[in-house]
Amino acid sequence: MGSAISEVIPFAVVVAISPMAVVAIILVLFSARARVNSIVFTLGWIVGVAIVGTVIYLLADAGDVSKGGSGSDTSYWLKLVAGVLLVLFAFRHWRKQPAAGEEVSQPKWMSSIDTLTPVKAGGLGVALAALNPKNLALTLAAGTSLAQATGVSGGEATVGLVVFVLIASLGIIVPVVLFFVGGERAAGILDGWRTWLSIHNTAVTATVLLVIGAVLFSQGLRGLT
C-alpha cells in the first residue's frame, strides 16, 4: 500500500498547487453565494480529479503488461509524453510572466464568479480539475506510475487513487475549511493568498511544471533505453 501511495503523492501535491484554481475558490468564497457555491465547487473539483484519475489508471493498467513479465513500454511512453507536455507548459507559463510593474490581468471568466449559480459553480470546479492541461498531464503521470508499480494490487491501487484525489484537492479544501472555521480573520488571510497567487501565478506554475516534467521525461527515457 505504501508503494501505491508513494507513487502518486508527488503528482498530487503539484495538482494541489494550482494557483488559478485556488484563486477561483477564494473568489467564490467572497461571492454572494459563498457557502453553497464553495461546497459545490469543491465537490465538482473532487469529482473531476477522481474521474480523470480513475480513467487514466484503468487505461494505463490495461495497456501495461509489465506486471505479467512481458515488459510493456506503455507506461514509459506515457511518462515520456507527460514529461514533454509539462516542460512545454512550463515554458508557456514562463513567457506569460508579467514585467516588473505591469498589472496582472485575470481571465475573463473570473469576473463572472460572483454571479454563478450552484450548478455553474460545480461545473467550474469540474472544468478546472479535469480540463486543465497541466492537471491532465500530472494525472496522466500519476495514473501510469500507479499502473506500472510492481506488487500493487487492485485494492492498493484504489487506496492510491483515493489518496491522490484527497491531496490533489487540498488547495481547494483548505481555503473552504478556513472560511467556515476562521471567522472574520479568514477574510484577510484568504485575500492575502489571492493577491500573492495572482502576482506569482506564472512563476510558481512554471517552476513546478519544469521540475516535474524533467523528472518524468528522465524516468520515461531511462525505462525505454
Protein backbone atom coordinates (compact mmCIF):
# COMPACT_ATOMS: atom_id res chain seq x y z
CA MET A 1 0.00 0.00 0.00
CA GLY A 2 2.88 2.32 0.81
CA SER A 3 4.24 1.82 -2.69
CA ALA A 4 0.95 2.84 -4.28
CA ILE A 5 0.70 5.97 -2.15
CA SER A 6 4.30 6.99 -2.74
CA GLU A 7 3.79 6.75 -6.50
CA VAL A 8 1.03 9.36 -6.58
CA ILE A 9 1.94 11.83 -3.81
CA PRO A 10 4.42 13.99 -5.82
CA PHE A 11 1.92 14.48 -8.65
CA ALA A 12 -1.00 15.08 -6.29
CA VAL A 13 0.94 17.82 -4.49
CA VAL A 14 1.60 19.62 -7.77
CA VAL A 15 -2.07 19.36 -8.78
CA ALA A 16 -2.97 20.87 -5.41
CA ILE A 17 -0.67 23.81 -6.19
CA SER A 18 -2.92 25.14 -8.93
CA PRO A 19 -2.83 28.94 -8.48
CA MET A 20 -5.75 29.71 -10.79
CA ALA A 21 -7.99 27.13 -9.12
CA VAL A 22 -7.06 28.40 -5.65
CA VAL A 23 -7.75 31.98 -6.71
CA ALA A 24 -11.08 30.84 -8.18
CA ILE A 25 -12.24 29.17 -4.97
CA ILE A 26 -11.20 32.23 -2.95
CA LEU A 27 -13.25 34.44 -5.27
CA VAL A 28 -16.16 32.05 -4.79
CA LEU A 29 -15.74 32.45 -1.03
CA PHE A 30 -16.08 36.23 -1.45
CA SER A 31 -19.15 35.91 -3.67
CA ALA A 32 -22.84 36.32 -2.79
CA ARG A 33 -23.50 32.55 -2.58
CA ALA A 34 -20.23 31.78 -0.81
CA ARG A 35 -21.39 28.95 1.46
CA VAL A 36 -23.33 26.94 -1.11
CA ASN A 37 -21.13 27.62 -4.12
CA SER A 38 -17.87 26.88 -2.30
CA ILE A 39 -19.11 23.45 -1.24
CA VAL A 40 -20.46 22.66 -4.71
CA PHE A 41 -17.26 23.92 -6.36
CA THR A 42 -15.18 21.70 -4.05
CA LEU A 43 -17.32 18.65 -4.80
CA GLY A 44 -17.04 19.39 -8.53
CA TRP A 45 -13.26 19.58 -8.26
CA ILE A 46 -13.07 16.29 -6.34
CA VAL A 47 -15.33 14.54 -8.84
CA GLY A 48 -13.31 15.89 -11.78
CA VAL A 49 -9.98 14.73 -10.36
CA ALA A 50 -11.44 11.35 -9.36
CA ILE A 51 -12.96 10.61 -12.76
CA VAL A 52 -9.89 11.58 -14.76
CA GLY A 53 -7.52 9.78 -12.37
CA THR A 54 -9.56 6.58 -12.42
CA VAL A 55 -9.97 6.52 -16.20
CA ILE A 56 -6.28 7.14 -16.82
CA TYR A 57 -5.25 4.48 -14.32
CA LEU A 58 -7.58 1.89 -15.84
CA LEU A 59 -6.35 2.64 -19.36
CA ALA A 60 -2.71 2.56 -18.28
CA ASP A 61 -3.22 -0.63 -16.28
CA ALA A 62 -4.93 -2.32 -19.22
CA GLY A 63 -2.08 -1.36 -21.54
CA ASP A 64 0.71 -2.17 -19.11
CA VAL A 65 1.57 -5.87 -19.21
CA SER A 66 4.89 -5.42 -17.46
CA LYS A 67 3.38 -6.79 -14.24
CA GLY A 68 2.89 -10.05 -16.06
CA GLY A 69 6.53 -10.18 -17.01
CA SER A 70 6.44 -9.28 -20.73
CA GLY A 71 7.95 -5.83 -20.23
CA SER A 72 5.47 -3.48 -21.83
CA ASP A 73 6.81 0.01 -22.61
CA THR A 74 3.37 1.64 -22.48
CA SER A 75 3.84 3.34 -19.11
CA TYR A 76 7.31 4.59 -20.02
CA TRP A 77 6.00 6.14 -23.23
CA LEU A 78 3.18 7.79 -21.32
CA LYS A 79 5.65 9.19 -18.78
CA LEU A 80 7.83 10.47 -21.61
CA VAL A 81 4.88 12.20 -23.27
CA ALA A 82 3.65 13.64 -19.96
CA GLY A 83 7.14 14.95 -19.22
CA VAL A 84 7.41 16.68 -22.57
CA LEU A 85 3.96 18.22 -22.17
CA LEU A 86 4.77 19.56 -18.71
CA VAL A 87 8.06 21.10 -19.86
CA LEU A 88 6.23 22.77 -22.77
CA PHE A 89 3.57 24.07 -20.37
CA ALA A 90 6.35 25.38 -18.11
CA PHE A 91 7.91 27.45 -20.90
CA ARG A 92 4.49 28.65 -21.99
CA HIS A 93 3.69 29.86 -18.48
CA TRP A 94 7.10 31.48 -18.05
CA ARG A 95 6.63 33.51 -21.22
CA LYS A 96 3.41 34.90 -19.74
CA GLN A 97 5.28 36.25 -16.71
CA PRO A 98 4.39 39.97 -16.49
CA ALA A 99 7.17 42.52 -16.50
CA ALA A 100 8.04 44.38 -13.31
CA GLY A 101 5.33 46.90 -12.51
CA GLU A 102 2.98 45.52 -15.14
CA GLU A 103 -0.59 44.97 -14.00
CA VAL A 104 -1.55 41.30 -13.75
CA SER A 105 -4.61 40.51 -15.87
CA GLN A 106 -7.11 37.87 -14.78
CA PRO A 107 -9.04 35.51 -17.07
CA LYS A 108 -12.40 36.91 -18.16
CA TRP A 109 -14.32 34.02 -16.60
CA MET A 110 -13.20 35.12 -13.14
CA SER A 111 -15.24 38.31 -13.42
CA SER A 112 -18.45 36.25 -13.54
CA ILE A 113 -17.76 34.16 -10.42
CA ASP A 114 -19.83 36.44 -8.19
CA THR A 115 -22.96 35.66 -10.24
CA LEU A 116 -22.50 31.89 -10.52
CA THR A 117 -25.39 29.60 -9.72
CA PRO A 118 -24.59 26.47 -7.69
CA VAL A 119 -24.81 24.34 -10.84
CA LYS A 120 -22.33 26.55 -12.68
CA ALA A 121 -20.05 26.64 -9.64
CA GLY A 122 -19.95 22.85 -9.63
CA GLY A 123 -19.30 22.83 -13.36
CA LEU A 124 -16.45 25.29 -12.93
CA GLY A 125 -14.90 23.04 -10.29
CA VAL A 126 -15.10 20.03 -12.60
CA ALA A 127 -13.67 22.00 -15.54
CA LEU A 128 -10.70 23.41 -13.61
CA ALA A 129 -9.89 19.94 -12.27
CA ALA A 130 -10.47 17.78 -15.33
CA LEU A 131 -9.90 20.01 -18.35
CA ASN A 132 -6.79 21.92 -17.26
CA PRO A 133 -3.89 20.68 -19.46
CA LYS A 134 -1.45 20.79 -16.54
CA ASN A 135 -3.71 18.69 -14.35
CA LEU A 136 -4.35 16.25 -17.17
CA ALA A 137 -0.62 15.73 -17.72
CA LEU A 138 0.01 15.30 -13.98
CA THR A 139 -2.91 12.91 -13.58
CA LEU A 140 -1.62 11.00 -16.59
CA ALA A 141 1.75 10.71 -14.87
CA ALA A 142 0.18 9.60 -11.58
CA GLY A 143 -2.07 7.01 -13.22
CA THR A 144 0.71 5.50 -15.31
CA SER A 145 3.10 5.41 -12.35
CA LEU A 146 0.48 3.63 -10.28
CA ALA A 147 -0.26 1.15 -13.06
CA GLN A 148 3.46 0.48 -13.54
CA ALA A 149 4.26 -0.05 -9.86
CA THR A 150 5.18 -3.67 -9.18
CA GLY A 151 3.44 -5.63 -6.46
CA VAL A 152 0.50 -3.24 -6.22
CA SER A 153 -2.87 -4.99 -6.06
CA GLY A 154 -6.17 -3.60 -7.26
CA GLY A 155 -7.19 -2.70 -3.72
CA GLU A 156 -3.89 -0.92 -3.06
CA ALA A 157 -4.24 0.97 -6.33
CA THR A 158 -7.71 2.10 -5.21
CA VAL A 159 -6.24 3.44 -1.98
CA GLY A 160 -3.54 5.19 -4.01
CA LEU A 161 -6.18 6.84 -6.19
CA VAL A 162 -8.16 7.98 -3.13
CA VAL A 163 -5.02 9.49 -1.60
CA PHE A 164 -4.22 11.17 -4.92
CA VAL A 165 -7.67 12.76 -5.10
CA LEU A 166 -7.59 13.94 -1.48
CA ILE A 167 -4.11 15.50 -1.68
CA ALA A 168 -4.79 17.00 -5.12
CA SER A 169 -7.89 18.66 -3.63
CA LEU A 170 -6.16 20.25 -0.62
CA GLY A 171 -5.60 23.51 -2.49
CA ILE A 172 -9.38 23.83 -2.71
CA ILE A 173 -10.37 22.24 0.60
CA VAL A 174 -8.05 24.28 2.83
CA PRO A 175 -9.44 27.73 1.85
CA VAL A 176 -13.01 26.45 2.23
CA VAL A 177 -12.34 25.00 5.69
CA LEU A 178 -10.57 28.21 6.71
CA PHE A 179 -13.58 30.22 5.54
CA PHE A 180 -16.02 28.18 7.63
CA VAL A 181 -13.94 27.96 10.82
CA GLY A 182 -11.70 31.02 10.66
CA GLY A 183 -14.28 33.68 11.37
CA GLU A 184 -13.56 37.31 10.45
CA ARG A 185 -9.81 36.75 10.37
CA ALA A 186 -10.23 34.28 7.49
CA ALA A 187 -11.22 37.02 5.05
CA GLY A 188 -7.91 38.84 5.46
CA ILE A 189 -5.88 35.64 5.16
CA LEU A 190 -7.72 34.48 2.05
CA ASP A 191 -7.41 37.88 0.39
CA GLY A 192 -3.66 37.83 1.07
CA TRP A 193 -3.39 34.39 -0.55
CA ARG A 194 -5.39 35.56 -3.54
CA THR A 195 -3.18 38.63 -4.08
CA TRP A 196 0.06 36.67 -3.77
CA LEU A 197 -1.08 33.88 -6.09
CA SER A 198 -2.40 36.35 -8.67
CA ILE A 199 1.00 38.07 -8.82
CA HIS A 200 3.20 34.96 -8.71
CA ASN A 201 0.92 32.54 -10.56
CA THR A 202 3.03 32.12 -13.69
CA ALA A 203 6.37 31.84 -11.90
CA VAL A 204 5.13 29.25 -9.40
CA THR A 205 3.37 27.18 -12.02
CA ALA A 206 6.27 27.28 -14.50
CA THR A 207 8.85 26.25 -11.91
CA VAL A 208 6.83 23.32 -10.59
CA LEU A 209 5.93 22.09 -14.08
CA LEU A 210 9.54 22.25 -15.24
CA VAL A 211 10.82 20.19 -12.32
CA ILE A 212 8.12 17.51 -12.51
CA GLY A 213 8.30 17.41 -16.32
CA ALA A 214 12.06 16.88 -16.27
CA VAL A 215 11.71 14.06 -13.74
CA LEU A 216 9.02 12.31 -15.76
CA PHE A 217 10.92 12.68 -19.01
CA SER A 218 14.05 11.17 -17.46
CA GLN A 219 12.07 8.27 -15.98
CA GLY A 220 10.40 7.52 -19.29
CA LEU A 221 13.62 7.79 -21.26
CA ARG A 222 15.51 5.59 -18.81
CA GLY A 223 12.80 2.95 -18.98
CA LEU A 224 12.79 2.90 -22.78
CA THR A 225 16.57 2.73 -23.12
